[in-house]
Amino acid sequence: MAELNFYQKLSDIQLRLKAPKSQYNNFGKYSYRNCEDILEAVKPLLNEHQLYINISDSIEVIGNRFYVKATVTVSDGVTSQTTTAYAREEESKKGMDGSQVTGASSSYARKYALNGMFAIDDNKDSDTTNQGQKTKQEKPKEQKEYCCSNCGKPFEGFTAKSTGQKYTAAQAYHMSKEKYGKALCGDCSGKSKNQNKPEEMI
């Protein structure tokens, strides 16, 4: 079998690389991978093909903001391939000093440079959610618990004629459940009453 060239080796690594999402985000409620997870998974494959990897950072100023530029290079000593990724430093982050802010930006940029090199798709791993910021919450589904136990018809709020007191659907549901032993809408509660009457009274 002919020896693979550099790009064939890199393609083989991209195809075979398995970098599990071993980290868990408690705020976003999802698993994700970080830079260290990718490196741990790819190093044996690089060694198999006798390729080496180099990762470096540089700081660039764009406008009035600082960016960490991560550069990943894979080479066989003759041919090489390079990818880059940027991460903007936060002006300040609670609980972090300046060096920690830069370090966090470096890790983020390096991960996405590695993603580009090895064709890894991270479709649910953003910097903001990893740092514990609240993500957009899904609109809660309409509650289905306030429905008739017999026919499934949803309870509705009402106003008592005698007192003018207003009751919500939830209150109507619980009042019916307390009265009949289970939640029954107006139609079903009427049927329940008739079922308990002697035949000559129906």
N, C-alpha and C. Protein backbone atom coordinates (compact mmCIF):
# COMPACT_ATOMS: atom_id res chain seq x y z
N MET A 1 0.85 -1.19 0.00
CA MET A 1 0.00 0.00 0.00
C MET A 1 0.88 1.24 0.00
N ALA A 2 0.60 2.21 -0.88
CA ALA A 2 1.40 3.42 -0.98
C ALA A 2 1.26 4.25 0.29
N GLU A 3 2.37 4.90 0.65
CA GLU A 3 2.35 5.74 1.84
C GLU A 3 1.48 6.96 1.60
N LEU A 4 0.71 7.33 2.60
CA LEU A 4 -0.18 8.48 2.47
C LEU A 4 0.64 9.76 2.46
N ASN A 5 0.18 10.72 1.66
CA ASN A 5 0.82 12.03 1.71
C ASN A 5 0.27 12.83 2.89
N PHE A 6 0.79 14.02 3.09
CA PHE A 6 0.42 14.82 4.26
C PHE A 6 -1.09 15.05 4.34
N TYR A 7 -1.70 15.47 3.26
CA TYR A 7 -3.12 15.82 3.28
C TYR A 7 -4.01 14.58 3.42
N GLN A 8 -3.55 13.46 2.93
CA GLN A 8 -4.29 12.21 3.13
C GLN A 8 -4.25 11.81 4.60
N LYS A 9 -3.10 12.02 5.22
CA LYS A 9 -2.98 11.73 6.66
C LYS A 9 -3.91 12.64 7.47
N LEU A 10 -3.91 13.91 7.12
CA LEU A 10 -4.77 14.86 7.85
C LEU A 10 -6.24 14.51 7.65
N SER A 11 -6.59 14.13 6.44
CA SER A 11 -7.97 13.73 6.15
C SER A 11 -8.35 12.49 6.94
N ASP A 12 -7.43 11.54 7.07
CA ASP A 12 -7.69 10.32 7.83
C ASP A 12 -7.94 10.64 9.29
N ILE A 13 -7.16 11.59 9.83
CA ILE A 13 -7.34 12.00 11.22
C ILE A 13 -8.70 12.65 11.40
N GLN A 14 -9.09 13.52 10.49
CA GLN A 14 -10.39 14.17 10.57
C GLN A 14 -11.53 13.15 10.56
N LEU A 15 -11.36 12.11 9.76
CA LEU A 15 -12.39 11.08 9.64
C LEU A 15 -12.48 10.22 10.90
N ARG A 16 -11.36 9.91 11.50
CA ARG A 16 -11.33 8.97 12.62
C ARG A 16 -11.39 9.62 14.00
N LEU A 17 -11.19 10.92 14.06
CA LEU A 17 -11.13 11.60 15.36
C LEU A 17 -12.46 11.51 16.10
N LYS A 18 -12.41 11.02 17.31
CA LYS A 18 -13.56 10.98 18.21
C LYS A 18 -13.21 11.77 19.46
N ALA A 19 -13.77 12.96 19.59
CA ALA A 19 -13.50 13.81 20.74
C ALA A 19 -14.80 13.95 21.53
N PRO A 20 -15.01 13.10 22.53
CA PRO A 20 -16.28 13.11 23.26
C PRO A 20 -16.49 14.40 24.05
N LYS A 21 -17.74 14.75 24.21
CA LYS A 21 -18.09 15.93 25.01
C LYS A 21 -18.13 15.52 26.47
N SER A 22 -16.98 15.60 27.11
CA SER A 22 -16.88 15.10 28.48
C SER A 22 -17.16 16.16 29.54
N GLN A 23 -17.37 17.40 29.12
CA GLN A 23 -17.69 18.48 30.06
C GLN A 23 -19.21 18.66 30.09
N TYR A 24 -19.71 19.22 31.21
CA TYR A 24 -21.16 19.44 31.31
C TYR A 24 -21.43 20.85 31.78
N ASN A 25 -22.30 21.54 31.07
CA ASN A 25 -22.67 22.90 31.41
C ASN A 25 -23.96 22.87 32.23
N ASN A 26 -23.85 23.24 33.50
CA ASN A 26 -25.00 23.18 34.41
C ASN A 26 -26.04 24.25 34.11
N PHE A 27 -25.63 25.32 33.45
CA PHE A 27 -26.55 26.41 33.17
C PHE A 27 -27.31 26.16 31.87
N GLY A 28 -26.57 25.75 30.83
CA GLY A 28 -27.21 25.45 29.56
C GLY A 28 -27.79 24.06 29.49
N LYS A 29 -27.43 23.21 30.47
CA LYS A 29 -27.92 21.82 30.53
C LYS A 29 -27.53 21.03 29.28
N TYR A 30 -26.25 21.06 28.92
CA TYR A 30 -25.79 20.27 27.79
C TYR A 30 -24.32 19.91 27.98
N SER A 31 -23.88 18.91 27.27
CA SER A 31 -22.48 18.47 27.31
C SER A 31 -21.70 19.17 26.21
N TYR A 32 -20.42 19.38 26.45
CA TYR A 32 -19.59 20.02 25.45
C TYR A 32 -18.15 19.55 25.61
N ARG A 33 -17.30 19.84 24.64
CA ARG A 33 -15.88 19.51 24.70
C ARG A 33 -15.07 20.78 24.80
N ASN A 34 -13.90 20.70 25.44
CA ASN A 34 -13.03 21.85 25.48
C ASN A 34 -11.73 21.56 24.72
N CYS A 35 -10.81 22.49 24.74
CA CYS A 35 -9.55 22.36 24.02
C CYS A 35 -8.78 21.12 24.45
N GLU A 36 -8.75 20.86 25.75
CA GLU A 36 -8.00 19.71 26.28
C GLU A 36 -8.60 18.39 25.81
N ASP A 37 -9.93 18.32 25.69
CA ASP A 37 -10.58 17.10 25.21
C ASP A 37 -10.15 16.78 23.77
N ILE A 38 -10.08 17.81 22.94
CA ILE A 38 -9.69 17.60 21.55
C ILE A 38 -8.24 17.14 21.46
N LEU A 39 -7.35 17.81 22.20
CA LEU A 39 -5.93 17.45 22.17
C LEU A 39 -5.69 16.03 22.66
N GLU A 40 -6.39 15.65 23.71
CA GLU A 40 -6.23 14.30 24.26
C GLU A 40 -6.63 13.24 23.23
N ALA A 41 -7.67 13.53 22.46
CA ALA A 41 -8.16 12.57 21.48
C ALA A 41 -7.31 12.54 20.21
N VAL A 42 -6.74 13.68 19.82
CA VAL A 42 -6.05 13.74 18.53
C VAL A 42 -4.58 13.36 18.61
N LYS A 43 -3.96 13.50 19.77
CA LYS A 43 -2.52 13.22 19.87
C LYS A 43 -2.14 11.80 19.44
N PRO A 44 -2.88 10.75 19.84
CA PRO A 44 -2.52 9.40 19.38
C PRO A 44 -2.59 9.25 17.86
N LEU A 45 -3.56 9.92 17.23
CA LEU A 45 -3.70 9.85 15.77
C LEU A 45 -2.56 10.59 15.08
N LEU A 46 -2.16 11.72 15.64
CA LEU A 46 -1.03 12.46 15.09
C LEU A 46 0.25 11.64 15.19
N ASN A 47 0.42 10.98 16.33
CA ASN A 47 1.61 10.15 16.53
C ASN A 47 1.64 8.98 15.55
N GLU A 48 0.46 8.40 15.30
CA GLU A 48 0.36 7.28 14.36
C GLU A 48 0.84 7.68 12.97
N HIS A 49 0.52 8.91 12.57
CA HIS A 49 0.90 9.38 11.23
C HIS A 49 2.20 10.18 11.26
N GLN A 50 2.86 10.23 12.41
CA GLN A 50 4.12 10.94 12.56
C GLN A 50 3.99 12.42 12.17
N LEU A 51 2.94 13.02 12.66
CA LEU A 51 2.71 14.45 12.49
C LEU A 51 2.82 15.12 13.84
N TYR A 52 3.21 16.37 13.83
CA TYR A 52 3.25 17.09 15.10
C TYR A 52 2.36 18.32 15.01
N ILE A 53 1.93 18.78 16.20
CA ILE A 53 1.02 19.93 16.26
C ILE A 53 1.64 21.02 17.11
N ASN A 54 1.43 22.25 16.72
CA ASN A 54 1.91 23.40 17.47
C ASN A 54 0.76 24.40 17.61
N ILE A 55 0.58 24.92 18.82
CA ILE A 55 -0.47 25.91 19.08
C ILE A 55 0.17 27.14 19.70
N SER A 56 -0.11 28.30 19.15
CA SER A 56 0.45 29.53 19.68
C SER A 56 -0.62 30.61 19.73
N ASP A 57 -0.40 31.61 20.58
CA ASP A 57 -1.33 32.73 20.74
C ASP A 57 -0.63 34.05 20.45
N SER A 58 -1.40 35.00 20.01
CA SER A 58 -0.92 36.37 19.89
C SER A 58 -2.08 37.30 20.23
N ILE A 59 -1.74 38.51 20.65
CA ILE A 59 -2.76 39.50 21.00
C ILE A 59 -2.84 40.53 19.89
N GLU A 60 -4.05 40.77 19.42
CA GLU A 60 -4.26 41.78 18.39
C GLU A 60 -5.29 42.79 18.88
N VAL A 61 -5.06 44.05 18.53
CA VAL A 61 -5.98 45.12 18.90
C VAL A 61 -6.78 45.51 17.67
N ILE A 62 -8.08 45.39 17.77
CA ILE A 62 -8.98 45.78 16.68
C ILE A 62 -9.93 46.83 17.24
N GLY A 63 -9.83 48.03 16.73
CA GLY A 63 -10.58 49.14 17.32
C GLY A 63 -9.99 49.44 18.68
N ASN A 64 -10.82 49.38 19.70
CA ASN A 64 -10.32 49.58 21.06
C ASN A 64 -10.44 48.31 21.91
N ARG A 65 -10.58 47.15 21.26
CA ARG A 65 -10.73 45.90 21.96
C ARG A 65 -9.56 44.97 21.67
N PHE A 66 -9.25 44.13 22.66
CA PHE A 66 -8.17 43.17 22.54
C PHE A 66 -8.73 41.80 22.16
N TYR A 67 -8.08 41.15 21.21
CA TYR A 67 -8.46 39.82 20.76
C TYR A 67 -7.28 38.87 20.92
N VAL A 68 -7.58 37.64 21.34
CA VAL A 68 -6.58 36.59 21.35
C VAL A 68 -6.70 35.83 20.03
N LYS A 69 -5.61 35.76 19.30
CA LYS A 69 -5.59 35.01 18.05
C LYS A 69 -4.83 33.70 18.30
N ALA A 70 -5.52 32.59 18.13
CA ALA A 70 -4.90 31.27 18.31
C ALA A 70 -4.56 30.70 16.95
N THR A 71 -3.36 30.17 16.83
CA THR A 71 -2.90 29.57 15.58
C THR A 71 -2.52 28.12 15.81
N VAL A 72 -3.13 27.21 15.07
CA VAL A 72 -2.84 25.78 15.15
C VAL A 72 -2.14 25.37 13.86
N THR A 73 -1.00 24.72 14.01
CA THR A 73 -0.24 24.24 12.86
C THR A 73 0.03 22.75 13.00
N VAL A 74 -0.28 21.99 11.97
CA VAL A 74 0.04 20.56 11.91
C VAL A 74 1.04 20.37 10.77
N SER A 75 2.09 19.61 11.03
CA SER A 75 3.14 19.46 10.03
C SER A 75 3.78 18.09 10.10
N ASP A 76 4.36 17.68 8.96
CA ASP A 76 5.16 16.45 8.93
C ASP A 76 6.64 16.79 8.81
N GLY A 77 6.98 18.07 8.97
CA GLY A 77 8.36 18.52 8.85
C GLY A 77 8.66 19.13 7.51
N VAL A 78 7.82 18.85 6.53
CA VAL A 78 8.00 19.40 5.18
C VAL A 78 6.77 20.22 4.78
N THR A 79 5.62 19.59 4.88
CA THR A 79 4.35 20.24 4.54
C THR A 79 3.61 20.56 5.83
N SER A 80 2.90 21.66 5.84
CA SER A 80 2.15 22.04 7.03
C SER A 80 0.81 22.66 6.66
N GLN A 81 -0.09 22.63 7.62
CA GLN A 81 -1.42 23.22 7.47
C GLN A 81 -1.70 24.07 8.71
N THR A 82 -2.23 25.27 8.51
CA THR A 82 -2.46 26.19 9.62
C THR A 82 -3.90 26.69 9.62
N THR A 83 -4.47 26.79 10.81
CA THR A 83 -5.78 27.42 10.98
C THR A 83 -5.69 28.42 12.13
N THR A 84 -6.55 29.42 12.12
CA THR A 84 -6.56 30.43 13.18
C THR A 84 -7.99 30.67 13.65
N ALA A 85 -8.11 31.19 14.86
CA ALA A 85 -9.41 31.59 15.40
C ALA A 85 -9.19 32.71 16.39
N TYR A 86 -10.19 33.56 16.54
CA TYR A 86 -10.08 34.72 17.43
C TYR A 86 -11.10 34.62 18.57
N ALA A 87 -10.73 35.20 19.69
CA ALA A 87 -11.67 35.34 20.80
C ALA A 87 -11.43 36.71 21.43
N ARG A 88 -12.47 37.48 21.58
CA ARG A 88 -12.33 38.82 22.15
C ARG A 88 -12.26 38.74 23.67
N GLU A 89 -11.32 39.47 24.25
CA GLU A 89 -11.23 39.51 25.71
C GLU A 89 -12.37 40.37 26.25
N GLU A 90 -12.96 39.91 27.34
CA GLU A 90 -13.95 40.73 28.04
C GLU A 90 -13.22 41.86 28.74
N GLU A 91 -13.86 43.01 28.82
CA GLU A 91 -13.23 44.12 29.52
C GLU A 91 -13.04 43.78 30.99
N SER A 92 -13.98 43.05 31.53
CA SER A 92 -13.87 42.56 32.90
C SER A 92 -14.83 41.40 33.07
N LYS A 93 -14.49 40.48 33.94
CA LYS A 93 -15.38 39.35 34.23
C LYS A 93 -15.32 39.09 35.73
N LYS A 94 -16.49 39.00 36.34
CA LYS A 94 -16.58 38.84 37.77
C LYS A 94 -15.82 37.61 38.25
N GLY A 95 -14.98 37.79 39.25
CA GLY A 95 -14.24 36.68 39.83
C GLY A 95 -12.97 36.34 39.10
N MET A 96 -12.60 37.10 38.04
CA MET A 96 -11.38 36.83 37.28
C MET A 96 -10.49 38.06 37.26
N ASP A 97 -9.16 37.84 37.38
CA ASP A 97 -8.24 38.95 37.17
C ASP A 97 -7.88 38.99 35.68
N GLY A 98 -7.02 39.94 35.31
CA GLY A 98 -6.69 40.14 33.91
C GLY A 98 -6.11 38.92 33.24
N SER A 99 -5.19 38.22 33.92
CA SER A 99 -4.55 37.05 33.32
C SER A 99 -5.55 35.92 33.11
N GLN A 100 -6.51 35.78 34.02
CA GLN A 100 -7.52 34.73 33.87
C GLN A 100 -8.46 35.03 32.72
N VAL A 101 -8.78 36.31 32.51
CA VAL A 101 -9.62 36.69 31.38
C VAL A 101 -8.93 36.34 30.07
N THR A 102 -7.62 36.66 29.99
CA THR A 102 -6.85 36.33 28.80
C THR A 102 -6.76 34.82 28.60
N GLY A 103 -6.54 34.09 29.70
CA GLY A 103 -6.45 32.63 29.62
C GLY A 103 -7.73 32.00 29.13
N ALA A 104 -8.87 32.51 29.59
CA ALA A 104 -10.16 31.98 29.15
C ALA A 104 -10.37 32.25 27.66
N SER A 105 -9.99 33.45 27.21
CA SER A 105 -10.12 33.79 25.79
C SER A 105 -9.19 32.92 24.95
N SER A 106 -7.99 32.64 25.47
CA SER A 106 -7.04 31.79 24.77
C SER A 106 -7.60 30.39 24.58
N SER A 107 -8.15 29.81 25.64
CA SER A 107 -8.71 28.46 25.56
C SER A 107 -9.84 28.40 24.55
N TYR A 108 -10.66 29.44 24.56
CA TYR A 108 -11.79 29.48 23.62
C TYR A 108 -11.30 29.56 22.18
N ALA A 109 -10.34 30.47 21.93
CA ALA A 109 -9.81 30.62 20.57
C ALA A 109 -9.10 29.36 20.11
N ARG A 110 -8.33 28.74 21.00
CA ARG A 110 -7.60 27.53 20.63
C ARG A 110 -8.57 26.40 20.27
N LYS A 111 -9.65 26.29 21.02
CA LYS A 111 -10.61 25.22 20.73
C LYS A 111 -11.19 25.37 19.33
N TYR A 112 -11.53 26.60 18.96
CA TYR A 112 -12.14 26.78 17.65
C TYR A 112 -11.13 26.73 16.51
N ALA A 113 -9.87 27.02 16.81
CA ALA A 113 -8.84 26.79 15.80
C ALA A 113 -8.65 25.29 15.57
N LEU A 114 -8.70 24.52 16.65
CA LEU A 114 -8.63 23.05 16.54
C LEU A 114 -9.85 22.50 15.81
N ASN A 115 -11.01 23.08 16.09
CA ASN A 115 -12.23 22.67 15.38
C ASN A 115 -12.05 22.85 13.87
N GLY A 116 -11.47 23.98 13.47
CA GLY A 116 -11.26 24.22 12.06
C GLY A 116 -10.26 23.26 11.45
N MET A 117 -9.21 22.95 12.19
CA MET A 117 -8.18 22.06 11.67
C MET A 117 -8.71 20.64 11.47
N PHE A 118 -9.49 20.16 12.43
CA PHE A 118 -9.90 18.76 12.40
C PHE A 118 -11.38 18.57 12.05
N ALA A 119 -11.99 19.62 11.49
CA ALA A 119 -13.37 19.54 10.99
C ALA A 119 -14.35 19.08 12.06
N ILE A 120 -14.26 19.70 13.22
CA ILE A 120 -15.16 19.38 14.33
C ILE A 120 -16.27 20.42 14.37
N ASP A 121 -17.48 19.96 14.51
CA ASP A 121 -18.63 20.86 14.55
C ASP A 121 -19.15 20.95 15.97
N ASP A 122 -19.06 22.14 16.56
CA ASP A 122 -19.66 22.39 17.88
C ASP A 122 -20.83 23.31 17.66
N ASN A 123 -22.03 22.75 17.65
CA ASN A 123 -23.19 23.57 17.33
C ASN A 123 -23.96 24.04 18.55
N LYS A 124 -23.49 23.68 19.76
CA LYS A 124 -24.21 24.14 20.94
C LYS A 124 -23.24 24.39 22.08
N ASP A 125 -22.24 25.18 21.77
CA ASP A 125 -21.22 25.44 22.77
C ASP A 125 -20.73 26.86 22.64
N SER A 126 -21.45 27.81 23.22
CA SER A 126 -21.06 29.20 23.11
C SER A 126 -20.32 29.65 24.34
N ASP A 127 -19.51 30.67 24.19
CA ASP A 127 -18.71 31.18 25.29
C ASP A 127 -19.59 31.73 26.40
N THR A 128 -20.69 32.38 26.03
CA THR A 128 -21.52 33.01 27.04
C THR A 128 -22.22 31.99 27.91
N THR A 129 -22.77 30.93 27.32
CA THR A 129 -23.48 29.95 28.13
C THR A 129 -22.51 29.13 28.97
N ASN A 130 -21.29 28.90 28.49
CA ASN A 130 -20.30 28.17 29.28
C ASN A 130 -19.90 28.95 30.52
N GLN A 131 -20.04 30.27 30.47
CA GLN A 131 -19.67 31.09 31.62
C GLN A 131 -20.84 31.29 32.58
N GLY A 132 -21.94 30.61 32.31
CA GLY A 132 -23.04 30.62 33.26
C GLY A 132 -24.05 31.71 33.04
N GLN A 133 -23.97 32.47 31.95
CA GLN A 133 -24.97 33.47 31.69
C GLN A 133 -26.25 32.79 31.25
N LYS A 134 -27.36 33.40 31.59
CA LYS A 134 -28.64 32.78 31.29
C LYS A 134 -28.87 32.76 29.79
N THR A 135 -29.34 31.65 29.30
CA THR A 135 -29.71 31.51 27.91
C THR A 135 -31.19 31.79 27.77
N LYS A 136 -31.61 32.04 26.54
CA LYS A 136 -33.03 32.31 26.30
C LYS A 136 -33.84 31.08 26.65
N GLN A 137 -34.79 31.29 27.53
CA GLN A 137 -35.59 30.16 27.99
C GLN A 137 -36.74 29.89 27.04
N GLU A 138 -37.03 28.65 26.88
CA GLU A 138 -38.17 28.29 26.05
C GLU A 138 -39.45 28.70 26.74
N LYS A 139 -40.41 29.10 25.95
CA LYS A 139 -41.72 29.45 26.49
C LYS A 139 -42.35 28.21 27.08
N PRO A 140 -42.76 28.30 28.36
CA PRO A 140 -43.34 27.10 28.98
C PRO A 140 -44.55 26.61 28.24
N LYS A 141 -44.64 25.31 28.14
CA LYS A 141 -45.78 24.71 27.45
C LYS A 141 -47.05 24.95 28.25
N GLU A 142 -48.14 25.06 27.54
CA GLU A 142 -49.44 25.25 28.19
C GLU A 142 -49.72 24.06 29.09
N GLN A 143 -50.10 24.37 30.32
CA GLN A 143 -50.37 23.30 31.27
C GLN A 143 -51.61 22.53 30.86
N LYS A 144 -51.49 21.23 30.92
CA LYS A 144 -52.60 20.36 30.54
C LYS A 144 -53.24 19.70 31.76
N GLU A 145 -52.76 20.07 32.95
CA GLU A 145 -53.26 19.38 34.13
C GLU A 145 -54.65 19.84 34.52
N TYR A 146 -55.09 21.03 34.09
CA TYR A 146 -56.39 21.53 34.48
C TYR A 146 -57.45 21.15 33.45
N CYS A 147 -57.59 19.84 33.26
CA CYS A 147 -58.55 19.30 32.31
C CYS A 147 -59.46 18.30 33.00
N CYS A 148 -60.63 18.11 32.43
CA CYS A 148 -61.59 17.16 32.97
C CYS A 148 -61.03 15.75 32.94
N SER A 149 -61.20 15.03 34.03
CA SER A 149 -60.68 13.67 34.11
C SER A 149 -61.43 12.71 33.19
N ASN A 150 -62.65 13.06 32.83
CA ASN A 150 -63.46 12.18 31.98
C ASN A 150 -63.27 12.47 30.48
N CYS A 151 -63.54 13.71 30.08
CA CYS A 151 -63.55 14.04 28.66
C CYS A 151 -62.30 14.78 28.19
N GLY A 152 -61.51 15.26 29.13
CA GLY A 152 -60.29 15.97 28.77
C GLY A 152 -60.49 17.44 28.43
N LYS A 153 -61.71 17.92 28.56
CA LYS A 153 -61.99 19.32 28.26
C LYS A 153 -61.30 20.22 29.29
N PRO A 154 -60.61 21.27 28.85
CA PRO A 154 -59.90 22.14 29.79
C PRO A 154 -60.87 22.97 30.63
N PHE A 155 -60.53 23.15 31.89
CA PHE A 155 -61.34 24.00 32.76
C PHE A 155 -61.12 25.45 32.38
N GLU A 156 -62.13 26.27 32.62
CA GLU A 156 -62.05 27.70 32.36
C GLU A 156 -62.39 28.46 33.63
N GLY A 157 -61.85 29.69 33.71
CA GLY A 157 -62.18 30.53 34.86
C GLY A 157 -63.64 30.96 34.80
N PHE A 158 -64.20 31.30 35.94
CA PHE A 158 -65.61 31.73 35.96
C PHE A 158 -65.83 32.70 37.11
N THR A 159 -66.99 33.35 37.07
CA THR A 159 -67.37 34.27 38.13
C THR A 159 -68.65 33.76 38.78
N ALA A 160 -68.61 33.58 40.09
CA ALA A 160 -69.78 33.08 40.82
C ALA A 160 -70.90 34.11 40.77
N LYS A 161 -72.11 33.67 40.35
CA LYS A 161 -73.25 34.59 40.22
C LYS A 161 -73.68 35.14 41.57
N SER A 162 -73.59 34.33 42.60
CA SER A 162 -74.12 34.74 43.90
C SER A 162 -73.22 35.77 44.59
N THR A 163 -71.93 35.63 44.44
CA THR A 163 -71.00 36.50 45.17
C THR A 163 -70.19 37.44 44.26
N GLY A 164 -70.14 37.14 43.00
CA GLY A 164 -69.32 37.94 42.10
C GLY A 164 -67.84 37.60 42.19
N GLN A 165 -67.51 36.56 42.96
CA GLN A 165 -66.13 36.13 43.14
C GLN A 165 -65.61 35.49 41.85
N LYS A 166 -64.41 35.90 41.46
CA LYS A 166 -63.80 35.33 40.26
C LYS A 166 -62.88 34.17 40.63
N TYR A 167 -62.92 33.11 39.84
CA TYR A 167 -62.09 31.93 40.07
C TYR A 167 -61.31 31.61 38.79
N THR A 168 -60.07 31.20 38.98
CA THR A 168 -59.24 30.82 37.83
C THR A 168 -59.54 29.39 37.42
N ALA A 169 -58.99 28.98 36.28
CA ALA A 169 -59.18 27.60 35.81
C ALA A 169 -58.60 26.62 36.81
N ALA A 170 -57.46 26.98 37.41
CA ALA A 170 -56.83 26.10 38.39
C ALA A 170 -57.72 25.94 39.62
N GLN A 171 -58.33 27.05 40.07
CA GLN A 171 -59.22 26.99 41.23
C GLN A 171 -60.46 26.17 40.92
N ALA A 172 -61.00 26.34 39.72
CA ALA A 172 -62.18 25.57 39.32
C ALA A 172 -61.86 24.08 39.29
N TYR A 173 -60.69 23.77 38.79
CA TYR A 173 -60.23 22.37 38.71
C TYR A 173 -60.18 21.74 40.10
N HIS A 174 -59.54 22.43 41.05
CA HIS A 174 -59.37 21.88 42.39
C HIS A 174 -60.69 21.84 43.17
N MET A 175 -61.56 22.82 42.92
CA MET A 175 -62.87 22.80 43.57
C MET A 175 -63.68 21.59 43.12
N SER A 176 -63.65 21.31 41.83
CA SER A 176 -64.37 20.16 41.30
C SER A 176 -63.78 18.85 41.84
N LYS A 177 -62.46 18.81 41.90
CA LYS A 177 -61.79 17.59 42.38
C LYS A 177 -62.14 17.32 43.84
N GLU A 178 -62.23 18.38 44.62
CA GLU A 178 -62.57 18.23 46.04
C GLU A 178 -64.02 17.81 46.21
N LYS A 179 -64.89 18.30 45.35
CA LYS A 179 -66.32 18.02 45.46
C LYS A 179 -66.68 16.61 44.97
N TYR A 180 -66.09 16.20 43.84
CA TYR A 180 -66.48 14.94 43.21
C TYR A 180 -65.45 13.81 43.37
N GLY A 181 -64.32 14.12 43.96
CA GLY A 181 -63.29 13.10 44.11
C GLY A 181 -62.37 13.05 42.92
N LYS A 182 -62.78 13.68 41.82
CA LYS A 182 -61.95 13.84 40.64
C LYS A 182 -62.44 15.06 39.89
N ALA A 183 -61.57 15.64 39.09
CA ALA A 183 -61.91 16.88 38.39
C ALA A 183 -62.87 16.61 37.25
N LEU A 184 -64.10 17.17 37.34
CA LEU A 184 -65.12 16.97 36.31
C LEU A 184 -65.61 18.33 35.82
N CYS A 185 -65.70 18.46 34.50
CA CYS A 185 -66.24 19.70 33.92
C CYS A 185 -67.75 19.75 34.20
N GLY A 186 -68.39 20.85 33.79
CA GLY A 186 -69.81 21.01 34.05
C GLY A 186 -70.65 19.90 33.45
N ASP A 187 -70.37 19.53 32.23
CA ASP A 187 -71.14 18.47 31.56
C ASP A 187 -70.96 17.13 32.27
N CYS A 188 -69.73 16.79 32.57
CA CYS A 188 -69.47 15.49 33.19
C CYS A 188 -69.93 15.43 34.63
N SER A 189 -69.89 16.56 35.32
CA SER A 189 -70.37 16.55 36.70
C SER A 189 -71.88 16.36 36.73
N GLY A 190 -72.59 16.90 35.70
CA GLY A 190 -74.03 16.70 35.59
C GLY A 190 -74.36 15.25 35.34
N LYS A 191 -73.57 14.59 34.48
CA LYS A 191 -73.78 13.17 34.21
C LYS A 191 -73.53 12.34 35.46
N SER A 192 -72.54 12.75 36.23
CA SER A 192 -72.19 12.01 37.45
C SER A 192 -73.33 12.07 38.45
N LYS A 193 -73.98 13.24 38.53
CA LYS A 193 -75.11 13.39 39.45
C LYS A 193 -76.25 12.47 39.03
N ASN A 194 -76.53 12.42 37.71
CA ASN A 194 -77.63 11.61 37.21
C ASN A 194 -77.37 10.11 37.42
N GLN A 195 -76.09 9.73 37.34
CA GLN A 195 -75.76 8.32 37.52
C GLN A 195 -76.04 7.86 38.95
N ASN A 196 -76.02 8.81 39.88
CA ASN A 196 -76.25 8.46 41.28
C ASN A 196 -77.71 8.52 41.68
N LYS A 197 -78.58 9.00 40.77
CA LYS A 197 -80.00 9.08 41.07
C LYS A 197 -80.69 7.78 40.74
N PRO A 198 -81.79 7.43 41.46
CA PRO A 198 -82.61 6.25 41.10
C PRO A 198 -83.18 6.43 39.70
N GLU A 199 -83.45 5.36 39.02
CA GLU A 199 -83.92 5.39 37.63
C GLU A 199 -85.19 6.21 37.47
N GLU A 200 -86.10 6.20 38.47
CA GLU A 200 -87.36 6.89 38.31
C GLU A 200 -87.18 8.41 38.40
N MET A 201 -85.96 8.85 38.92
CA MET A 201 -85.74 10.29 39.04
C MET A 201 -85.02 10.86 37.83
N ILE A 202 -84.54 9.99 36.93
CA ILE A 202 -83.80 10.49 35.77
C ILE A 202 -84.75 10.80 34.64
